[in-house]
């Protein structure tokens, strides 16, 4: 099924040039959100430096970066292609049964991986340190709610359909899963067992995206997964 150009991969998405330009614009918007904007604000509003150095401001920057990314996708994948936002970003409706299955997978995945996380990365896992402070807890809560949306738009709403349309579904699943897993290196350092686990996460989420032909199911799964993980970090982070 994955080794041939199946019917789900016979569609036009964005060109290679557009793909490269979108990645460049996302890179620039990320630099602006997390580097240049804070520097500018700290320079011209020094009285608020404490806020600009806090996790609360980090949440603002996180939202700003995510919204800019989604707008870039909207412009190139929807507006330029004369598609609605739902059509261009594959937000196809799914059945209640599919949603329930995704919710169940989202619950099972973190319960399986939590023992591995607590055993192999009690000091390396960034979220565990964040959970020890009030600001960190709020930041984790925001990430648990909204990071899955932003990440799914990028990986399963942009990266996956690009490679699916240019190569085939098999390589799109593999490449997207690797992209997703390896991009979390900064969160877990050199804990290669956890890095492999994130690649498996990516594989499961991308398969869900493939079999449902919709971005909504992996968003649901990812959201529940993160919510369970963050809840456990909050509960056990101070112990």
Protein backbone atom coordinates (compact mmCIF):
# COMPACT_ATOMS: atom_id res chain seq x y z
CA UNK A 1 0.00 0.00 0.00
CA UNK A 2 2.75 2.46 0.94
CA UNK A 3 5.20 1.41 -1.78
CA UNK A 4 3.09 2.71 -4.66
CA UNK A 5 1.54 6.04 -5.54
CA UNK A 6 -1.90 5.34 -4.07
CA UNK A 7 -4.99 7.44 -4.72
CA UNK A 8 -4.46 9.42 -1.50
CA UNK A 9 -1.11 10.70 -2.76
CA UNK A 10 -2.34 11.81 -6.20
CA UNK A 11 -3.01 15.47 -5.46
CA UNK A 12 -1.36 18.85 -5.86
CA UNK A 13 -0.14 20.57 -2.72
CA UNK A 14 2.70 23.11 -2.93
CA UNK A 15 5.72 23.19 -5.21
CA UNK A 16 9.26 22.56 -4.03
CA UNK A 17 9.98 26.28 -4.33
CA UNK A 18 6.90 27.15 -2.27
CA UNK A 19 7.83 24.48 0.29
CA UNK A 20 11.31 25.98 0.68
CA UNK A 21 9.93 29.51 0.91
CA UNK A 22 7.40 28.51 3.55
CA UNK A 23 10.12 26.88 5.68
CA UNK A 24 12.27 30.00 5.30
CA UNK A 25 9.40 32.28 6.34
CA UNK A 26 8.63 30.09 9.34
CA UNK A 27 12.29 30.23 10.34
CA UNK A 28 12.28 34.05 10.05
CA UNK A 29 9.00 34.37 11.98
CA UNK A 30 10.39 32.13 14.73
CA UNK A 31 13.54 34.24 15.01
CA UNK A 32 11.41 37.37 15.13
CA UNK A 33 9.13 35.95 17.82
CA UNK A 34 11.72 34.42 20.13
CA UNK A 35 14.83 36.54 19.49
CA UNK A 36 14.34 39.94 17.86
CA UNK A 37 11.02 40.93 19.45
CA UNK A 38 12.20 40.25 23.04
CA UNK A 39 15.43 42.17 22.39
CA UNK A 40 13.52 45.13 20.98
CA UNK A 41 11.01 45.19 23.83
CA UNK A 42 13.69 44.87 26.50
CA UNK A 43 15.59 47.74 24.95
CA UNK A 44 12.69 50.17 24.61
CA UNK A 45 10.67 49.04 27.64
CA UNK A 46 13.33 48.28 30.28
CA UNK A 47 10.82 48.77 33.11
CA UNK A 48 9.13 45.53 32.03
CA UNK A 49 12.32 43.47 31.74
CA UNK A 50 11.21 41.13 34.54
CA UNK A 51 8.07 40.22 32.59
CA UNK A 52 10.01 39.83 29.34
CA UNK A 53 12.33 37.34 31.08
CA UNK A 54 9.48 35.32 32.55
CA UNK A 55 7.74 32.16 31.37
CA UNK A 56 4.54 34.21 31.01
CA UNK A 57 6.11 36.23 28.22
CA UNK A 58 7.37 32.95 26.80
CA UNK A 59 3.73 31.87 26.44
CA UNK A 60 2.96 35.08 24.52
CA UNK A 61 5.88 34.45 22.18
CA UNK A 62 4.82 30.82 21.79
CA UNK A 63 1.33 31.91 20.64
CA UNK A 64 2.71 34.61 18.37
CA UNK A 65 5.07 32.16 16.65
CA UNK A 66 2.32 29.58 16.21
CA UNK A 67 -0.19 32.08 14.80
CA UNK A 68 2.36 33.45 12.33
CA UNK A 69 3.13 29.90 11.18
CA UNK A 70 -0.53 29.06 10.63
CA UNK A 71 -1.06 32.29 8.69
CA UNK A 72 1.87 31.40 6.43
CA UNK A 73 0.25 28.01 5.78
CA UNK A 74 -3.09 29.69 5.14
CA UNK A 75 -1.61 32.08 2.59
CA UNK A 76 0.33 29.52 0.56
CA UNK A 77 -1.78 26.37 1.00
CA UNK A 78 -5.25 27.92 1.04
CA UNK A 79 -5.51 31.48 -0.26
CA UNK A 80 -3.10 31.05 -3.20
CA UNK A 81 -4.73 27.74 -4.13
CA UNK A 82 -8.28 29.16 -3.91
CA UNK A 83 -9.17 26.73 -1.13
CA UNK A 84 -10.91 27.22 2.17
CA UNK A 85 -8.87 26.85 5.34
CA UNK A 86 -10.46 23.45 6.01
CA UNK A 87 -9.73 22.19 2.49
CA UNK A 88 -6.17 23.52 2.31
CA UNK A 89 -5.17 22.18 5.72
CA UNK A 90 -7.07 18.86 5.48
CA UNK A 91 -9.46 19.60 8.35
CA UNK A 92 -11.93 17.02 7.08
CA UNK A 93 -14.73 15.98 9.46
CA UNK A 94 -14.49 12.53 11.06
CA UNK A 95 -16.97 10.21 12.72
CA UNK A 96 -17.53 9.99 16.46
CA UNK A 97 -16.10 6.47 16.36
CA UNK A 98 -12.86 7.77 14.87
CA UNK A 99 -12.69 10.54 17.45
CA UNK A 100 -13.23 8.04 20.27
CA UNK A 101 -10.47 5.80 18.91
CA UNK A 102 -8.09 8.75 18.76
CA UNK A 103 -8.98 9.70 22.33
CA UNK A 104 -8.25 6.14 23.46
CA UNK A 105 -4.90 6.06 21.64
CA UNK A 106 -4.05 9.42 23.19
CA UNK A 107 -4.66 7.95 26.64
CA UNK A 108 -2.77 4.71 26.06
CA UNK A 109 0.39 6.16 24.50
CA UNK A 110 1.57 8.25 27.49
CA UNK A 111 0.66 5.54 30.01
CA UNK A 112 3.00 3.18 28.16
CA UNK A 113 5.79 5.72 27.82
CA UNK A 114 5.68 7.35 31.28
CA UNK A 115 7.70 4.59 33.02
CA UNK A 116 10.40 5.00 30.35
CA UNK A 117 10.42 8.78 30.76
CA UNK A 118 10.72 8.69 34.56
CA UNK A 119 13.42 6.01 34.45
CA UNK A 120 15.67 7.35 31.72
CA UNK A 121 15.22 11.12 31.86
CA UNK A 122 14.44 12.35 35.38
CA UNK A 123 16.98 15.16 35.00
CA UNK A 124 17.21 15.63 31.24
CA UNK A 125 13.58 16.02 30.36
CA UNK A 126 12.86 19.75 30.09
CA UNK A 127 9.22 19.45 31.17
CA UNK A 128 10.19 17.90 34.52
CA UNK A 129 12.18 21.00 35.45
CA UNK A 130 9.43 23.34 34.32
CA UNK A 131 6.90 21.53 36.50
CA UNK A 132 8.82 22.57 39.63
CA UNK A 133 7.88 26.27 39.38
CA UNK A 134 4.57 28.13 39.18
CA UNK A 135 5.53 29.86 35.94
CA UNK A 136 6.70 26.55 34.53
CA UNK A 137 3.40 24.88 35.40
CA UNK A 138 1.44 27.55 33.56
CA UNK A 139 3.78 27.23 30.59
CA UNK A 140 3.31 23.45 30.57
CA UNK A 141 -0.46 23.90 30.72
CA UNK A 142 -0.38 26.22 27.70
CA UNK A 143 1.84 23.80 25.81
CA UNK A 144 -0.41 20.87 26.63
CA UNK A 145 -3.39 22.73 25.18
CA UNK A 146 -1.92 24.43 22.15
CA UNK A 147 1.42 22.87 21.17
CA UNK A 148 -0.37 19.82 19.67
CA UNK A 149 -2.36 22.12 17.39
CA UNK A 150 0.69 24.04 16.15
CA UNK A 151 2.81 20.90 15.80
CA UNK A 152 0.12 18.99 13.93
CA UNK A 153 -0.37 21.86 11.48
CA UNK A 154 3.36 21.77 10.78
CA UNK A 155 4.08 18.04 10.66
CA UNK A 156 0.85 16.37 9.57
CA UNK A 157 -0.77 19.40 7.90
CA UNK A 158 2.27 20.59 5.93
CA UNK A 159 5.28 18.24 5.96
CA UNK A 160 3.26 15.04 5.44
CA UNK A 161 1.07 16.16 2.50
CA UNK A 162 4.07 17.72 0.76
CA UNK A 163 6.08 14.49 0.73
CA UNK A 164 2.95 12.43 0.14
CA UNK A 165 2.17 14.40 -3.01
CA UNK A 166 5.77 14.46 -4.23
CA UNK A 167 6.83 10.88 -3.32
CA UNK A 168 4.23 8.48 -1.94
CA UNK A 169 2.46 7.73 1.31
CA UNK A 170 5.09 5.27 2.56
CA UNK A 171 7.98 7.74 2.41
CA UNK A 172 5.77 10.57 3.63
CA UNK A 173 4.99 8.60 6.80
CA UNK A 174 8.67 7.72 7.37
CA UNK A 175 10.02 11.22 6.70
CA UNK A 176 7.36 12.97 8.78
CA UNK A 177 7.89 10.60 11.71
CA UNK A 178 11.64 11.20 11.66
CA UNK A 179 11.17 14.97 11.38
CA UNK A 180 8.82 14.94 14.35
CA UNK A 181 11.01 12.74 16.55
CA UNK A 182 14.34 14.39 15.80
CA UNK A 183 12.91 17.90 16.23
CA UNK A 184 12.35 17.06 19.92
CA UNK A 185 16.08 16.60 20.50
CA UNK A 186 16.27 20.02 22.15
CA UNK A 187 13.68 18.92 24.71
CA UNK A 188 15.40 15.73 25.84
CA UNK A 189 19.08 16.26 25.16
CA UNK A 190 21.06 13.09 24.46
CA UNK A 191 18.48 10.67 25.87
CA UNK A 192 18.39 8.53 22.75
CA UNK A 193 15.82 6.13 24.16
CA UNK A 194 13.40 9.03 24.53
CA UNK A 195 14.33 10.31 21.08
CA UNK A 196 13.38 6.92 19.64
CA UNK A 197 10.14 7.08 21.59
CA UNK A 198 9.28 10.43 20.03
CA UNK A 199 9.90 8.96 16.58
CA UNK A 200 7.42 6.20 17.44
CA UNK A 201 4.96 8.88 18.58
CA UNK A 202 5.40 10.59 15.24
CA UNK A 203 4.88 7.32 13.39
CA UNK A 204 1.58 6.63 15.20
CA UNK A 205 0.27 10.18 14.69
CA UNK A 206 1.22 10.18 11.01
CA UNK A 207 -0.45 6.81 10.43
CA UNK A 208 -3.60 8.22 12.01
CA UNK A 209 -3.37 11.19 9.64
CA UNK A 210 -2.91 8.86 6.67
CA UNK A 211 -5.73 6.42 7.42
CA UNK A 212 -8.26 9.15 8.31
CA UNK A 213 -7.23 11.66 5.59
CA UNK A 214 -7.81 14.39 8.14
CA UNK A 215 -5.71 16.53 10.45
CA UNK A 216 -8.36 16.49 13.18
CA UNK A 217 -7.72 12.92 14.50
CA UNK A 218 -3.96 13.39 15.12
CA UNK A 219 -4.72 16.73 16.81
CA UNK A 220 -7.13 14.96 19.18
CA UNK A 221 -4.66 12.15 19.88
CA UNK A 222 -1.76 14.56 20.38
CA UNK A 223 -3.81 16.82 22.64
CA UNK A 224 -4.92 13.99 24.94
CA UNK A 225 -1.39 12.55 24.94
CA UNK A 226 0.15 15.86 26.00
CA UNK A 227 -2.54 16.53 28.58
CA UNK A 228 -1.87 13.18 30.28
CA UNK A 229 1.90 13.68 30.19
CA UNK A 230 1.72 17.23 31.53
CA UNK A 231 -0.67 16.16 34.29
CA UNK A 232 1.83 13.53 35.41
CA UNK A 233 4.69 16.04 35.31
CA UNK A 234 2.63 18.41 37.46
CA UNK A 235 1.75 15.65 39.93
CA UNK A 236 5.22 14.13 40.20
CA UNK A 237 7.38 17.14 39.27
CA UNK A 238 7.81 18.34 42.84
CA UNK A 239 8.44 14.90 44.32
